[in-house]
Amino acid sequence: FMKENQEAIRKEVGPGKTASAVGALGGQKWKAMTAAQKKPYEDKVAKMKAEWTKAMEAWKKNGGGANAEAGDEEDDDDNEEEQ
């Protein structure tokens, strides 16, 4: 909801206001919405969460970033140049 409406809410809050003011107004608008108005946003979030969960499971199944950590150690040759 905020991602799609942030610019309009920012204009409504006015220039020079903090991000927390934008967030507060966005929260007020969200709370004022009916369940039917919120449903498209909630459906979108549920889909994104399912995709993230699937990707996370695949990532963990493939080592969960263990390969990236090993690669970092191999590339760490800064100490050799300084010595």
C-alpha atoms as a PDB file:
ATOM      1  CA  PHE A   1       0.000   0.000   0.000  1.00  0.00           C
ATOM      2  CA  MET A   2       2.668   2.493   1.003  1.00  0.00           C
ATOM      3  CA  LYS A   3       4.860   1.668  -1.969  1.00  0.00           C
ATOM      4  CA  GLU A   4       2.045   2.466  -4.378  1.00  0.00           C
ATOM      5  CA  ASN A   5       0.736   5.508  -2.503  1.00  0.00           C
ATOM      6  CA  GLN A   6       3.849   7.032  -0.963  1.00  0.00           C
ATOM      7  CA  GLU A   7       4.220   9.862  -3.462  1.00  0.00           C
ATOM      8  CA  ALA A   8       0.588  11.001  -3.099  1.00  0.00           C
ATOM      9  CA  ILE A   9       0.804  10.786   0.690  1.00  0.00           C
ATOM     10  CA  ARG A  10       4.086  12.715   0.652  1.00  0.00           C
ATOM     11  CA  LYS A  11       2.407  15.508  -1.341  1.00  0.00           C
ATOM     12  CA  GLU A  12      -0.521  15.519   1.074  1.00  0.00           C
ATOM     13  CA  VAL A  13       1.790  15.797   4.097  1.00  0.00           C
ATOM     14  CA  GLY A  14       3.641  18.665   2.482  1.00  0.00           C
ATOM     15  CA  PRO A  15       7.246  19.547   1.697  1.00  0.00           C
ATOM     16  CA  GLY A  16       9.860  19.455   4.408  1.00  0.00           C
ATOM     17  CA  LYS A  17       8.063  16.876   6.527  1.00  0.00           C
ATOM     18  CA  THR A  18       9.840  13.835   7.885  1.00  0.00           C
ATOM     19  CA  ALA A  19       9.495  10.273   6.665  1.00  0.00           C
ATOM     20  CA  SER A  20       7.786   9.437   9.953  1.00  0.00           C
ATOM     21  CA  ALA A  21       5.047  11.974   9.153  1.00  0.00           C
ATOM     22  CA  VAL A  22       4.496  10.275   5.794  1.00  0.00           C
ATOM     23  CA  GLY A  23       4.408   6.872   7.485  1.00  0.00           C
ATOM     24  CA  ALA A  24       1.976   8.085  10.127  1.00  0.00           C
ATOM     25  CA  LEU A  25      -0.458   9.442   7.546  1.00  0.00           C
ATOM     26  CA  GLY A  26      -0.103   6.261   5.516  1.00  0.00           C
ATOM     27  CA  GLY A  27      -0.933   4.234   8.621  1.00  0.00           C
ATOM     28  CA  GLN A  28      -4.005   6.359   9.276  1.00  0.00           C
ATOM     29  CA  LYS A  29      -5.181   5.880   5.715  1.00  0.00           C
ATOM     30  CA  TRP A  30      -4.608   2.117   5.932  1.00  0.00           C
ATOM     31  CA  LYS A  31      -6.589   1.866   9.168  1.00  0.00           C
ATOM     32  CA  ALA A  32      -9.455   3.816   7.590  1.00  0.00           C
ATOM     33  CA  MET A  33      -9.706   1.394   4.662  1.00  0.00           C
ATOM     34  CA  THR A  34     -12.326  -1.345   4.591  1.00  0.00           C
ATOM     35  CA  ALA A  35     -11.388  -5.016   4.381  1.00  0.00           C
ATOM     36  CA  ALA A  36     -12.455  -5.013   0.735  1.00  0.00           C
ATOM     37  CA  GLN A  37     -10.156  -2.066  -0.015  1.00  0.00           C
ATOM     38  CA  LYS A  38      -7.229  -3.771   1.746  1.00  0.00           C
ATOM     39  CA  LYS A  39      -7.751  -7.161   0.066  1.00  0.00           C
ATOM     40  CA  PRO A  40      -5.821  -6.475  -3.188  1.00  0.00           C
ATOM     41  CA  TYR A  41      -2.800  -5.315  -1.181  1.00  0.00           C
ATOM     42  CA  GLU A  42      -3.029  -8.248   1.226  1.00  0.00           C
ATOM     43  CA  ASP A  43      -3.312 -10.690  -1.704  1.00  0.00           C
ATOM     44  CA  LYS A  44      -0.221  -9.137  -3.290  1.00  0.00           C
ATOM     45  CA  VAL A  45       1.726  -9.473  -0.044  1.00  0.00           C
ATOM     46  CA  ALA A  46       0.633 -13.096   0.394  1.00  0.00           C
ATOM     47  CA  LYS A  47       1.872 -13.899  -3.127  1.00  0.00           C
ATOM     48  CA  MET A  48       5.192 -12.136  -2.516  1.00  0.00           C
ATOM     49  CA  LYS A  49       5.629 -13.985   0.794  1.00  0.00           C
ATOM     50  CA  ALA A  50       4.978 -17.354  -0.872  1.00  0.00           C
ATOM     51  CA  GLU A  51       7.569 -16.561  -3.557  1.00  0.00           C
ATOM     52  CA  TRP A  52      10.078 -15.462  -0.923  1.00  0.00           C
ATOM     53  CA  THR A  53       9.477 -18.606   1.143  1.00  0.00           C
ATOM     54  CA  LYS A  54      10.006 -20.802  -1.920  1.00  0.00           C
ATOM     55  CA  ALA A  55      13.212 -18.958  -2.825  1.00  0.00           C
ATOM     56  CA  MET A  56      14.479 -19.162   0.775  1.00  0.00           C
ATOM     57  CA  GLU A  57      13.851 -22.916   0.888  1.00  0.00           C
ATOM     58  CA  ALA A  58      15.778 -23.361  -2.366  1.00  0.00           C
ATOM     59  CA  TRP A  59      18.605 -21.166  -1.066  1.00  0.00           C
ATOM     60  CA  LYS A  60      18.856 -23.200   2.152  1.00  0.00           C
ATOM     61  CA  LYS A  61      18.689 -26.472   0.203  1.00  0.00           C
ATOM     62  CA  ASN A  62      21.643 -25.295  -1.911  1.00  0.00           C
ATOM     63  CA  GLY A  63      23.865 -24.488   1.057  1.00  0.00           C
ATOM     64  CA  GLY A  64      22.342 -21.294   2.363  1.00  0.00           C
ATOM     65  CA  GLY A  65      25.138 -18.976   1.342  1.00  0.00           C
ATOM     66  CA  ALA A  66      27.945 -21.219   2.581  1.00  0.00           C
ATOM     67  CA  ASN A  67      29.594 -20.987  -0.843  1.00  0.00           C
ATOM     68  CA  ALA A  68      29.584 -17.191  -0.746  1.00  0.00           C
ATOM     69  CA  GLU A  69      31.359 -17.165   2.607  1.00  0.00           C
ATOM     70  CA  ALA A  70      34.053 -19.516   1.337  1.00  0.00           C
ATOM     71  CA  GLY A  71      34.507 -17.325  -1.721  1.00  0.00           C
ATOM     72  CA  ASP A  72      35.038 -14.262   0.432  1.00  0.00           C
ATOM     73  CA  GLU A  73      37.985 -15.891   2.185  1.00  0.00           C
ATOM     74  CA  GLU A  74      39.655 -16.768  -1.107  1.00  0.00           C
ATOM     75  CA  ASP A  75      39.356 -13.219  -2.401  1.00  0.00           C
ATOM     76  CA  ASP A  76      40.789 -11.660   0.760  1.00  0.00           C
ATOM     77  CA  ASP A  77      44.286 -10.820  -0.451  1.00  0.00           C
ATOM     78  CA  ASP A  78      44.445  -7.310   1.003  1.00  0.00           C
ATOM     79  CA  ASN A  79      46.509  -8.523   3.950  1.00  0.00           C
ATOM     80  CA  GLU A  80      49.102 -10.086   1.670  1.00  0.00           C
ATOM     81  CA  GLU A  81      49.773  -6.765  -0.078  1.00  0.00           C
ATOM     82  CA  GLU A  82      50.135  -4.840   3.178  1.00  0.00           C
ATOM     83  CA  GLN A  83      52.724  -7.240   4.664  1.00  0.00           C
END
